[in-house]
Structure formats: C-alpha cells, structure tokens
Amino acid sequence: MTSEDILTGDVIDEAMLTLDELARACSVEPRWVELRVEAGLLACATDATGATGPWRFASAQLVRARRLAALERDFDADEELAALVVDLIEEVQQLRARLKAAGAD
C-alpha cells in the first residue's frame, strides 16, 4: 500500500480526530475544514476537559465531511447546498433506523 491509496470503511468507534487528520482523511486542505466549522456545517469539540485547545472532531464528523467534500467536488455544489443534502441523507438514515427498530422494515 502506498501513501496515495485511499481507504474506506465504516466508523465503528468514537475516536477523536485532529483538524489535520480530518482534512487528510477527506483529501482537503485544513482551511476547507476550518471554513465549514466557522459556517456551522461541521461540528468540532475541544478536549475532554472542555478547555479551549486544538479542535477535535468526532469520527462521525469524518463521514459528514467526506460527504460534503464529495458533493462539492462531484456536483460543483456550494457549501450550503452540500450541507443541506448531507442533512437530508442523515435524516433519512435516522428515520430508516427508527423504522427498523420499530419492526417496520
């Protein structure tokens, strides 16, 4: 495997990622991530003590950031439109999970 290989998979834990790790995993510049956080399109957290420090991102934000980046890149969507589409995808997934839990496959 080379450094150019792209790995994909499902998020299985709640590991925290740094700004650089998230940007690298999404194949974007750290500034791209910063702009989406400032616009409220991605959520970030500080360390567990709540002190102001380097940004940390829950692994679930990796999935969201990858979707945002793909929509912006593949469909030339602006960041707000991409975020709306991602919000709708996440809502559909939540509703499907609720239906499945209720036994209504």
PDB file of N, CA and C in Angstrom:
ATOM      1  N   MET A   1       0.850  -1.170   0.000  1.00  0.00           N
ATOM      2  CA  MET A   1       0.000   0.000   0.000  1.00  0.00           C
ATOM      3  C   MET A   1       0.898   1.236   0.000  1.00  0.00           C
ATOM      4  N   THR A   2       0.527   2.210  -0.807  1.00  0.00           N
ATOM      5  CA  THR A   2       1.296   3.445  -0.864  1.00  0.00           C
ATOM      6  C   THR A   2       0.539   4.551  -0.140  1.00  0.00           C
ATOM      7  N   SER A   3       1.202   5.692   0.040  1.00  0.00           N
ATOM      8  CA  SER A   3       0.546   6.819   0.696  1.00  0.00           C
ATOM      9  C   SER A   3      -0.550   7.415  -0.175  1.00  0.00           C
ATOM     10  N   GLU A   4      -0.591   7.039  -1.445  1.00  0.00           N
ATOM     11  CA  GLU A   4      -1.609   7.534  -2.369  1.00  0.00           C
ATOM     12  C   GLU A   4      -2.894   6.712  -2.303  1.00  0.00           C
ATOM     13  N   ASP A   5      -2.843   5.502  -1.709  1.00  0.00           N
ATOM     14  CA  ASP A   5      -4.017   4.642  -1.635  1.00  0.00           C
ATOM     15  C   ASP A   5      -5.077   5.269  -0.738  1.00  0.00           C
ATOM     16  N   ILE A   6      -6.329   5.104  -1.115  1.00  0.00           N
ATOM     17  CA  ILE A   6      -7.450   5.625  -0.352  1.00  0.00           C
ATOM     18  C   ILE A   6      -8.159   4.452   0.309  1.00  0.00           C
ATOM     19  N   LEU A   7      -8.312   4.541   1.598  1.00  0.00           N
ATOM     20  CA  LEU A   7      -9.006   3.504   2.348  1.00  0.00           C
ATOM     21  C   LEU A   7     -10.395   4.003   2.693  1.00  0.00           C
ATOM     22  N   THR A   8     -11.361   3.113   2.630  1.00  0.00           N
ATOM     23  CA  THR A   8     -12.718   3.456   3.013  1.00  0.00           C
ATOM     24  C   THR A   8     -13.203   2.435   4.019  1.00  0.00           C
ATOM     25  N   GLY A   9     -14.218   2.799   4.773  1.00  0.00           N
ATOM     26  CA  GLY A   9     -14.781   1.883   5.743  1.00  0.00           C
ATOM     27  C   GLY A   9     -15.860   2.574   6.549  1.00  0.00           C
ATOM     28  N   ASP A  10     -16.408   1.860   7.500  1.00  0.00           N
ATOM     29  CA  ASP A  10     -17.436   2.406   8.365  1.00  0.00           C
ATOM     30  C   ASP A  10     -16.813   2.869   9.667  1.00  0.00           C
ATOM     31  N   VAL A  11     -17.397   3.921  10.233  1.00  0.00           N
ATOM     32  CA  VAL A  11     -16.959   4.404  11.531  1.00  0.00           C
ATOM     33  C   VAL A  11     -17.486   3.442  12.577  1.00  0.00           C
ATOM     34  N   ILE A  12     -16.598   2.893  13.407  1.00  0.00           N
ATOM     35  CA  ILE A  12     -17.036   1.913  14.394  1.00  0.00           C
ATOM     36  C   ILE A  12     -16.766   2.361  15.825  1.00  0.00           C
ATOM     37  N   ASP A  13     -16.141   3.508  15.989  1.00  0.00           N
ATOM     38  CA  ASP A  13     -15.891   3.978  17.342  1.00  0.00           C
ATOM     39  C   ASP A  13     -16.013   5.493  17.387  1.00  0.00           C
ATOM     40  N   GLU A  14     -15.784   6.041  18.525  1.00  0.00           N
ATOM     41  CA  GLU A  14     -15.886   7.484  18.694  1.00  0.00           C
ATOM     42  C   GLU A  14     -14.507   8.102  18.900  1.00  0.00           C
ATOM     43  N   ALA A  15     -13.563   7.707  18.090  1.00  0.00           N
ATOM     44  CA  ALA A  15     -12.228   8.283  18.158  1.00  0.00           C
ATOM     45  C   ALA A  15     -12.299   9.748  17.764  1.00  0.00           C
ATOM     46  N   MET A  16     -11.450  10.553  18.375  1.00  0.00           N
ATOM     47  CA  MET A  16     -11.398  11.971  18.054  1.00  0.00           C
ATOM     48  C   MET A  16     -10.255  12.207  17.066  1.00  0.00           C
ATOM     49  N   LEU A  17     -10.531  13.036  16.073  1.00  0.00           N
ATOM     50  CA  LEU A  17      -9.551  13.358  15.045  1.00  0.00           C
ATOM     51  C   LEU A  17      -9.112  14.807  15.190  1.00  0.00           C
ATOM     52  N   THR A  18      -7.868  15.078  14.847  1.00  0.00           N
ATOM     53  CA  THR A  18      -7.399  16.454  14.814  1.00  0.00           C
ATOM     54  C   THR A  18      -7.837  17.100  13.509  1.00  0.00           C
ATOM     55  N   LEU A  19      -7.677  18.392  13.434  1.00  0.00           N
ATOM     56  CA  LEU A  19      -8.003  19.126  12.214  1.00  0.00           C
ATOM     57  C   LEU A  19      -7.228  18.558  11.031  1.00  0.00           C
ATOM     58  N   ASP A  20      -5.938  18.360  11.196  1.00  0.00           N
ATOM     59  CA  ASP A  20      -5.115  17.839  10.103  1.00  0.00           C
ATOM     60  C   ASP A  20      -5.506  16.419   9.718  1.00  0.00           C
ATOM     61  N   GLU A  21      -5.823  15.588  10.703  1.00  0.00           N
ATOM     62  CA  GLU A  21      -6.231  14.210  10.403  1.00  0.00           C
ATOM     63  C   GLU A  21      -7.540  14.184   9.621  1.00  0.00           C
ATOM     64  N   LEU A  22      -8.487  15.020  10.036  1.00  0.00           N
ATOM     65  CA  LEU A  22      -9.766  15.077   9.327  1.00  0.00           C
ATOM     66  C   LEU A  22      -9.570  15.573   7.898  1.00  0.00           C
ATOM     67  N   ALA A  23      -8.787  16.626   7.739  1.00  0.00           N
ATOM     68  CA  ALA A  23      -8.536  17.176   6.403  1.00  0.00           C
ATOM     69  C   ALA A  23      -7.859  16.138   5.511  1.00  0.00           C
ATOM     70  N   ARG A  24      -6.867  15.462   6.039  1.00  0.00           N
ATOM     71  CA  ARG A  24      -6.149  14.452   5.254  1.00  0.00           C
ATOM     72  C   ARG A  24      -7.070  13.298   4.873  1.00  0.00           C
ATOM     73  N   ALA A  25      -7.931  12.868   5.805  1.00  0.00           N
ATOM     74  CA  ALA A  25      -8.851  11.761   5.525  1.00  0.00           C
ATOM     75  C   ALA A  25      -9.891  12.133   4.472  1.00  0.00           C
ATOM     76  N   CYS A  26     -10.157  13.426   4.323  1.00  0.00           N
ATOM     77  CA  CYS A  26     -11.133  13.889   3.331  1.00  0.00           C
ATOM     78  C   CYS A  26     -10.472  14.395   2.057  1.00  0.00           C
ATOM     79  N   SER A  27      -9.165  14.354   2.002  1.00  0.00           N
ATOM     80  CA  SER A  27      -8.402  14.851   0.852  1.00  0.00           C
ATOM     81  C   SER A  27      -8.697  16.320   0.567  1.00  0.00           C
ATOM     82  N   VAL A  28      -8.758  17.104   1.646  1.00  0.00           N
ATOM     83  CA  VAL A  28      -8.962  18.543   1.523  1.00  0.00           C
ATOM     84  C   VAL A  28      -7.900  19.261   2.356  1.00  0.00           C
ATOM     85  N   GLU A  29      -7.814  20.556   2.163  1.00  0.00           N
ATOM     86  CA  GLU A  29      -6.895  21.376   2.948  1.00  0.00           C
ATOM     87  C   GLU A  29      -7.513  21.654   4.326  1.00  0.00           C
ATOM     88  N   PRO A  30      -6.687  21.824   5.348  1.00  0.00           N
ATOM     89  CA  PRO A  30      -7.227  22.167   6.669  1.00  0.00           C
ATOM     90  C   PRO A  30      -8.104  23.429   6.641  1.00  0.00           C
ATOM     91  N   ARG A  31      -7.775  24.373   5.781  1.00  0.00           N
ATOM     92  CA  ARG A  31      -8.579  25.602   5.682  1.00  0.00           C
ATOM     93  C   ARG A  31     -10.008  25.286   5.231  1.00  0.00           C
ATOM     94  N   TRP A  32     -10.180  24.277   4.368  1.00  0.00           N
ATOM     95  CA  TRP A  32     -11.511  23.856   3.940  1.00  0.00           C
ATOM     96  C   TRP A  32     -12.333  23.453   5.162  1.00  0.00           C
ATOM     97  N   VAL A  33     -11.731  22.664   6.048  1.00  0.00           N
ATOM     98  CA  VAL A  33     -12.416  22.214   7.262  1.00  0.00           C
ATOM     99  C   VAL A  33     -12.733  23.418   8.148  1.00  0.00           C
ATOM    100  N   GLU A  34     -11.761  24.298   8.330  1.00  0.00           N
ATOM    101  CA  GLU A  34     -11.970  25.480   9.173  1.00  0.00           C
ATOM    102  C   GLU A  34     -13.156  26.312   8.688  1.00  0.00           C
ATOM    103  N   LEU A  35     -13.251  26.507   7.382  1.00  0.00           N
ATOM    104  CA  LEU A  35     -14.345  27.306   6.822  1.00  0.00           C
ATOM    105  C   LEU A  35     -15.699  26.652   7.078  1.00  0.00           C
ATOM    106  N   ARG A  36     -15.786  25.323   6.976  1.00  0.00           N
ATOM    107  CA  ARG A  36     -17.051  24.630   7.220  1.00  0.00           C
ATOM    108  C   ARG A  36     -17.429  24.662   8.696  1.00  0.00           C
ATOM    109  N   VAL A  37     -16.434  24.602   9.577  1.00  0.00           N
ATOM    110  CA  VAL A  37     -16.719  24.708  11.014  1.00  0.00           C
ATOM    111  C   VAL A  37     -17.223  26.112  11.326  1.00  0.00           C
ATOM    112  N   GLU A  38     -16.545  27.124  10.802  1.00  0.00           N
ATOM    113  CA  GLU A  38     -16.949  28.512  11.044  1.00  0.00           C
ATOM    114  C   GLU A  38     -18.346  28.793  10.508  1.00  0.00           C
ATOM    115  N   ALA A  39     -18.727  28.133   9.418  1.00  0.00           N
ATOM    116  CA  ALA A  39     -20.060  28.308   8.832  1.00  0.00           C
ATOM    117  C   ALA A  39     -21.121  27.464   9.543  1.00  0.00           C
ATOM    118  N   GLY A  40     -20.705  26.612  10.482  1.00  0.00           N
ATOM    119  CA  GLY A  40     -21.638  25.768  11.210  1.00  0.00           C
ATOM    120  C   GLY A  40     -22.051  24.509  10.477  1.00  0.00           C
ATOM    121  N   LEU A  41     -21.288  24.129   9.458  1.00  0.00           N
ATOM    122  CA  LEU A  41     -21.627  22.955   8.655  1.00  0.00           C
ATOM    123  C   LEU A  41     -20.988  21.681   9.178  1.00  0.00           C
ATOM    124  N   LEU A  42     -19.923  21.826   9.953  1.00  0.00           N
ATOM    125  CA  LEU A  42     -19.267  20.711  10.632  1.00  0.00           C
ATOM    126  C   LEU A  42     -19.149  21.064  12.110  1.00  0.00           C
ATOM    127  N   ALA A  43     -19.293  20.065  12.952  1.00  0.00           N
ATOM    128  CA  ALA A  43     -19.182  20.288  14.390  1.00  0.00           C
ATOM    129  C   ALA A  43     -17.807  19.854  14.879  1.00  0.00           C
ATOM    130  N   CYS A  44     -17.255  20.658  15.756  1.00  0.00           N
ATOM    131  CA  CYS A  44     -15.988  20.268  16.367  1.00  0.00           C
ATOM    132  C   CYS A  44     -16.129  20.387  17.870  1.00  0.00           C
ATOM    133  N   ALA A  45     -15.244  19.717  18.567  1.00  0.00           N
ATOM    134  CA  ALA A  45     -15.254  19.742  20.028  1.00  0.00           C
ATOM    135  C   ALA A  45     -13.838  20.008  20.506  1.00  0.00           C
ATOM    136  N   THR A  46     -13.733  20.481  21.716  1.00  0.00           N
ATOM    137  CA  THR A  46     -12.411  20.635  22.316  1.00  0.00           C
ATOM    138  C   THR A  46     -12.088  19.347  23.049  1.00  0.00           C
ATOM    139  N   ASP A  47     -11.007  19.343  23.783  1.00  0.00           N
ATOM    140  CA  ASP A  47     -10.624  18.131  24.514  1.00  0.00           C
ATOM    141  C   ASP A  47     -11.649  17.833  25.616  1.00  0.00           C
ATOM    142  N   ALA A  48     -11.488  16.680  26.262  1.00  0.00           N
ATOM    143  CA  ALA A  48     -12.467  16.195  27.232  1.00  0.00           C
ATOM    144  C   ALA A  48     -12.619  17.118  28.436  1.00  0.00           C
ATOM    145  N   THR A  49     -11.620  17.923  28.745  1.00  0.00           N
ATOM    146  CA  THR A  49     -11.705  18.813  29.902  1.00  0.00           C
ATOM    147  C   THR A  49     -12.544  20.036  29.609  1.00  0.00           C
ATOM    148  N   GLY A  50     -12.864  20.271  28.330  1.00  0.00           N
ATOM    149  CA  GLY A  50     -13.662  21.425  27.961  1.00  0.00           C
ATOM    150  C   GLY A  50     -12.838  22.684  27.803  1.00  0.00           C
ATOM    151  N   ALA A  51     -11.545  22.573  28.011  1.00  0.00           N
ATOM    152  CA  ALA A  51     -10.674  23.739  27.870  1.00  0.00           C
ATOM    153  C   ALA A  51     -10.508  24.090  26.399  1.00  0.00           C
ATOM    154  N   THR A  52     -10.268  25.352  26.172  1.00  0.00           N
ATOM    155  CA  THR A  52     -10.024  25.771  24.797  1.00  0.00           C
ATOM    156  C   THR A  52      -8.695  25.177  24.358  1.00  0.00           C
ATOM    157  N   GLY A  53      -8.700  24.556  23.249  1.00  0.00           N
ATOM    158  CA  GLY A  53      -7.496  23.907  22.747  1.00  0.00           C
ATOM    159  C   GLY A  53      -7.667  23.593  21.291  1.00  0.00           C
ATOM    160  N   PRO A  54      -6.826  22.710  20.786  1.00  0.00           N
ATOM    161  CA  PRO A  54      -6.937  22.340  19.372  1.00  0.00           C
ATOM    162  C   PRO A  54      -8.292  21.702  19.089  1.00  0.00           C
ATOM    163  N   TRP A  55      -8.776  21.972  17.906  1.00  0.00           N
ATOM    164  CA  TRP A  55     -10.056  21.381  17.516  1.00  0.00           C
ATOM    165  C   TRP A  55      -9.939  19.874  17.440  1.00  0.00           C
ATOM    166  N   ARG A  56     -10.962  19.201  17.900  1.00  0.00           N
ATOM    167  CA  ARG A  56     -11.086  17.747  17.794  1.00  0.00           C
ATOM    168  C   ARG A  56     -12.428  17.448  17.148  1.00  0.00           C
ATOM    169  N   PHE A  57     -12.460  16.413  16.346  1.00  0.00           N
ATOM    170  CA  PHE A  57     -13.671  16.039  15.625  1.00  0.00           C
ATOM    171  C   PHE A  57     -14.021  14.603  15.943  1.00  0.00           C
ATOM    172  N   ALA A  58     -15.284  14.370  16.284  1.00  0.00           N
ATOM    173  CA  ALA A  58     -15.761  13.003  16.492  1.00  0.00           C
ATOM    174  C   ALA A  58     -15.678  12.266  15.161  1.00  0.00           C
ATOM    175  N   SER A  59     -15.469  10.987  15.226  1.00  0.00           N
ATOM    176  CA  SER A  59     -15.313  10.214  13.994  1.00  0.00           C
ATOM    177  C   SER A  59     -16.557  10.291  13.119  1.00  0.00           C
ATOM    178  N   ALA A  60     -17.728  10.530  13.695  1.00  0.00           N
ATOM    179  CA  ALA A  60     -18.941  10.686  12.890  1.00  0.00           C
ATOM    180  C   ALA A  60     -18.833  11.909  11.978  1.00  0.00           C
ATOM    181  N   GLN A  61     -18.078  12.921  12.386  1.00  0.00           N
ATOM    182  CA  GLN A  61     -17.899  14.105  11.549  1.00  0.00           C
ATOM    183  C   GLN A  61     -17.059  13.793  10.316  1.00  0.00           C
ATOM    184  N   LEU A  62     -16.270  12.733  10.390  1.00  0.00           N
ATOM    185  CA  LEU A  62     -15.498  12.304   9.223  1.00  0.00           C
ATOM    186  C   LEU A  62     -16.444  11.903   8.087  1.00  0.00           C
ATOM    187  N   VAL A  63     -17.475  11.154   8.413  1.00  0.00           N
ATOM    188  CA  VAL A  63     -18.455  10.735   7.401  1.00  0.00           C
ATOM    189  C   VAL A  63     -19.123  11.967   6.802  1.00  0.00           C
ATOM    190  N   ARG A  64     -19.534  12.889   7.655  1.00  0.00           N
ATOM    191  CA  ARG A  64     -20.196  14.107   7.183  1.00  0.00           C
ATOM    192  C   ARG A  64     -19.259  14.938   6.310  1.00  0.00           C
ATOM    193  N   ALA A  65     -18.029  15.106   6.748  1.00  0.00           N
ATOM    194  CA  ALA A  65     -17.064  15.906   5.984  1.00  0.00           C
ATOM    195  C   ALA A  65     -16.768  15.271   4.628  1.00  0.00           C
ATOM    196  N   ARG A  66     -16.655  13.953   4.594  1.00  0.00           N
ATOM    197  CA  ARG A  66     -16.412  13.283   3.309  1.00  0.00           C
ATOM    198  C   ARG A  66     -17.578  13.470   2.362  1.00  0.00           C
ATOM    199  N   ARG A  67     -18.798  13.400   2.889  1.00  0.00           N
ATOM    200  CA  ARG A  67     -19.970  13.625   2.043  1.00  0.00           C
ATOM    201  C   ARG A  67     -19.992  15.060   1.522  1.00  0.00           C
ATOM    202  N   LEU A  68     -19.715  16.014   2.404  1.00  0.00           N
ATOM    203  CA  LEU A  68     -19.681  17.416   1.982  1.00  0.00           C
ATOM    204  C   LEU A  68     -18.661  17.623   0.865  1.00  0.00           C
ATOM    205  N   ALA A  69     -17.464  17.111   1.088  1.00  0.00           N
ATOM    206  CA  ALA A  69     -16.394  17.287   0.100  1.00  0.00           C
ATOM    207  C   ALA A  69     -16.758  16.638  -1.226  1.00  0.00           C
ATOM    208  N   ALA A  70     -17.350  15.445  -1.172  1.00  0.00           N
ATOM    209  CA  ALA A  70     -17.717  14.750  -2.409  1.00  0.00           C
ATOM    210  C   ALA A  70     -18.801  15.507  -3.170  1.00  0.00           C
ATOM    211  N   LEU A  71     -19.799  15.995  -2.466  1.00  0.00           N
ATOM    212  CA  LEU A  71     -20.863  16.748  -3.135  1.00  0.00           C
ATOM    213  C   LEU A  71     -20.339  18.038  -3.747  1.00  0.00           C
ATOM    214  N   GLU A  72     -19.491  18.728  -3.005  1.00  0.00           N
ATOM    215  CA  GLU A  72     -18.920  19.974  -3.530  1.00  0.00           C
ATOM    216  C   GLU A  72     -18.056  19.702  -4.756  1.00  0.00           C
ATOM    217  N   ARG A  73     -17.289  18.635  -4.692  1.00  0.00           N
ATOM    218  CA  ARG A  73     -16.375  18.300  -5.787  1.00  0.00           C
ATOM    219  C   ARG A  73     -17.113  17.707  -6.987  1.00  0.00           C
ATOM    220  N   ASP A  74     -17.924  16.694  -6.753  1.00  0.00           N
ATOM    221  CA  ASP A  74     -18.551  15.949  -7.844  1.00  0.00           C
ATOM    222  C   ASP A  74     -19.666  16.712  -8.544  1.00  0.00           C
ATOM    223  N   PHE A  75     -20.392  17.531  -7.791  1.00  0.00           N
ATOM    224  CA  PHE A  75     -21.536  18.237  -8.367  1.00  0.00           C
ATOM    225  C   PHE A  75     -21.339  19.748  -8.397  1.00  0.00           C
ATOM    226  N   ASP A  76     -20.148  20.177  -8.051  1.00  0.00           N
ATOM    227  CA  ASP A  76     -19.830  21.605  -8.029  1.00  0.00           C
ATOM    228  C   ASP A  76     -20.859  22.372  -7.198  1.00  0.00           C
ATOM    229  N   ALA A  77     -21.285  21.748  -6.092  1.00  0.00           N
ATOM    230  CA  ALA A  77     -22.287  22.350  -5.211  1.00  0.00           C
ATOM    231  C   ALA A  77     -21.610  23.341  -4.276  1.00  0.00           C
ATOM    232  N   ASP A  78     -22.306  24.422  -3.958  1.00  0.00           N
ATOM    233  CA  ASP A  78     -21.740  25.326  -2.962  1.00  0.00           C
ATOM    234  C   ASP A  78     -21.888  24.670  -1.593  1.00  0.00           C
ATOM    235  N   GLU A  79     -21.186  25.194  -0.602  1.00  0.00           N
ATOM    236  CA  GLU A  79     -21.108  24.519   0.692  1.00  0.00           C
ATOM    237  C   GLU A  79     -22.459  24.419   1.400  1.00  0.00           C
ATOM    238  N   GLU A  80     -23.317  25.431   1.262  1.00  0.00           N
ATOM    239  CA  GLU A  80     -24.625  25.376   1.918  1.00  0.00           C
ATOM    240  C   GLU A  80     -25.536  24.317   1.291  1.00  0.00           C
ATOM    241  N   LEU A  81     -25.515  24.219  -0.015  1.00  0.00           N
ATOM    242  CA  LEU A  81     -26.317  23.204  -0.697  1.00  0.00           C
ATOM    243  C   LEU A  81     -25.820  21.802  -0.340  1.00  0.00           C
ATOM    244  N   ALA A  82     -24.517  21.616  -0.330  1.00  0.00           N
ATOM    245  CA  ALA A  82     -23.951  20.318   0.044  1.00  0.00           C
ATOM    246  C   ALA A  82     -24.359  19.954   1.474  1.00  0.00           C
ATOM    247  N   ALA A  83     -24.333  20.923   2.378  1.00  0.00           N
ATOM    248  CA  ALA A  83     -24.716  20.660   3.770  1.00  0.00           C
ATOM    249  C   ALA A  83     -26.192  20.280   3.867  1.00  0.00           C
ATOM    250  N   LEU A  84     -27.041  20.929   3.083  1.00  0.00           N
ATOM    251  CA  LEU A  84     -28.463  20.587   3.071  1.00  0.00           C
ATOM    252  C   LEU A  84     -28.671  19.153   2.603  1.00  0.00           C
ATOM    253  N   VAL A  85     -27.989  18.757   1.553  1.00  0.00           N
ATOM    254  CA  VAL A  85     -28.103  17.393   1.040  1.00  0.00           C
ATOM    255  C   VAL A  85     -27.623  16.392   2.092  1.00  0.00           C
ATOM    256  N   VAL A  86     -26.503  16.694   2.742  1.00  0.00           N
ATOM    257  CA  VAL A  86     -25.982  15.801   3.785  1.00  0.00           C
ATOM    258  C   VAL A  86     -26.963  15.718   4.953  1.00  0.00           C
ATOM    259  N   ASP A  87     -27.554  16.847   5.333  1.00  0.00           N
ATOM    260  CA  ASP A  87     -28.565  16.833   6.402  1.00  0.00           C
ATOM    261  C   ASP A  87     -29.723  15.901   6.032  1.00  0.00           C
ATOM    262  N   LEU A  88     -30.169  15.975   4.791  1.00  0.00           N
ATOM    263  CA  LEU A  88     -31.269  15.121   4.350  1.00  0.00           C
ATOM    264  C   LEU A  88     -30.880  13.645   4.338  1.00  0.00           C
ATOM    265  N   ILE A  89     -29.660  13.345   3.905  1.00  0.00           N
ATOM    266  CA  ILE A  89     -29.172  11.962   3.922  1.00  0.00           C
ATOM    267  C   ILE A  89     -29.154  11.435   5.350  1.00  0.00           C
ATOM    268  N   GLU A  90     -28.640  12.232   6.274  1.00  0.00           N
ATOM    269  CA  GLU A  90     -28.569  11.813   7.671  1.00  0.00           C
ATOM    270  C   GLU A  90     -29.970  11.615   8.263  1.00  0.00           C
ATOM    271  N   GLU A  91     -30.906  12.498   7.911  1.00  0.00           N
ATOM    272  CA  GLU A  91     -32.280  12.381   8.397  1.00  0.00           C
ATOM    273  C   GLU A  91     -32.940  11.103   7.881  1.00  0.00           C
ATOM    274  N   VAL A  92     -32.752  10.793   6.620  1.00  0.00           N
ATOM    275  CA  VAL A  92     -33.312   9.562   6.052  1.00  0.00           C
ATOM    276  C   VAL A  92     -32.724   8.339   6.765  1.00  0.00           C
ATOM    277  N   GLN A  93     -31.423   8.358   7.022  1.00  0.00           N
ATOM    278  CA  GLN A  93     -30.796   7.237   7.729  1.00  0.00           C
ATOM    279  C   GLN A  93     -31.369   7.067   9.136  1.00  0.00           C
ATOM    280  N   GLN A  94     -31.594   8.178   9.831  1.00  0.00           N
ATOM    281  CA  GLN A  94     -32.173   8.113  11.175  1.00  0.00           C
ATOM    282  C   GLN A  94     -33.599   7.575  11.132  1.00  0.00           C
ATOM    283  N   LEU A  95     -34.375   8.030  10.172  1.00  0.00           N
ATOM    284  CA  LEU A  95     -35.752   7.559  10.052  1.00  0.00           C
ATOM    285  C   LEU A  95     -35.804   6.072   9.710  1.00  0.00           C
ATOM    286  N   ARG A  96     -34.931   5.633   8.824  1.00  0.00           N
ATOM    287  CA  ARG A  96     -34.870   4.201   8.494  1.00  0.00           C
ATOM    288  C   ARG A  96     -34.495   3.363   9.708  1.00  0.00           C
ATOM    289  N   ALA A  97     -33.551   3.869  10.510  1.00  0.00           N
ATOM    290  CA  ALA A  97     -33.152   3.158  11.724  1.00  0.00           C
ATOM    291  C   ALA A  97     -34.313   3.070  12.711  1.00  0.00           C
ATOM    292  N   ARG A  98     -35.093   4.141  12.818  1.00  0.00           N
ATOM    293  CA  ARG A  98     -36.252   4.129  13.717  1.00  0.00           C
ATOM    294  C   ARG A  98     -37.304   3.145  13.221  1.00  0.00           C
ATOM    295  N   LEU A  99     -37.532   3.108  11.916  1.00  0.00           N
ATOM    296  CA  LEU A  99     -38.491   2.152  11.354  1.00  0.00           C
ATOM    297  C   LEU A  99     -38.032   0.717  11.610  1.00  0.00           C
ATOM    298  N   LYS A 100     -36.768   0.494  11.400  1.00  0.00           N
ATOM    299  CA  LYS A 100     -36.230  -0.859  11.606  1.00  0.00           C
ATOM    300  C   LYS A 100     -36.355  -1.267  13.077  1.00  0.00           C
ATOM    301  N   ALA A 101     -36.055  -0.332  13.980  1.00  0.00           N
ATOM    302  CA  ALA A 101     -36.171  -0.618  15.406  1.00  0.00           C
ATOM    303  C   ALA A 101     -37.615  -0.877  15.809  1.00  0.00           C
ATOM    304  N   ALA A 102     -38.556  -0.253  15.107  1.00  0.00           N
ATOM    305  CA  ALA A 102     -39.967  -0.449  15.402  1.00  0.00           C
ATOM    306  C   ALA A 102     -40.521  -1.708  14.734  1.00  0.00           C
ATOM    307  N   GLY A 103     -39.683  -2.365  13.935  1.00  0.00           N
ATOM    308  CA  GLY A 103     -40.108  -3.604  13.286  1.00  0.00           C
ATOM    309  C   GLY A 103     -40.802  -3.405  11.971  1.00  0.00           C
ATOM    310  N   ALA A 104     -40.724  -2.221  11.417  1.00  0.00           N
ATOM    311  CA  ALA A 104     -41.389  -1.931  10.135  1.00  0.00           C
ATOM    312  C   ALA A 104     -40.341  -1.820   9.049  1.00  0.00           C
ATOM    313  N   ASP A 105     -39.746  -2.950   8.696  1.00  0.00           N
ATOM    314  CA  ASP A 105     -38.701  -2.936   7.654  1.00  0.00           C
ATOM    315  C   ASP A 105     -39.323  -2.444   6.401  1.00  0.00           C
TER     316      ASP A 105
END
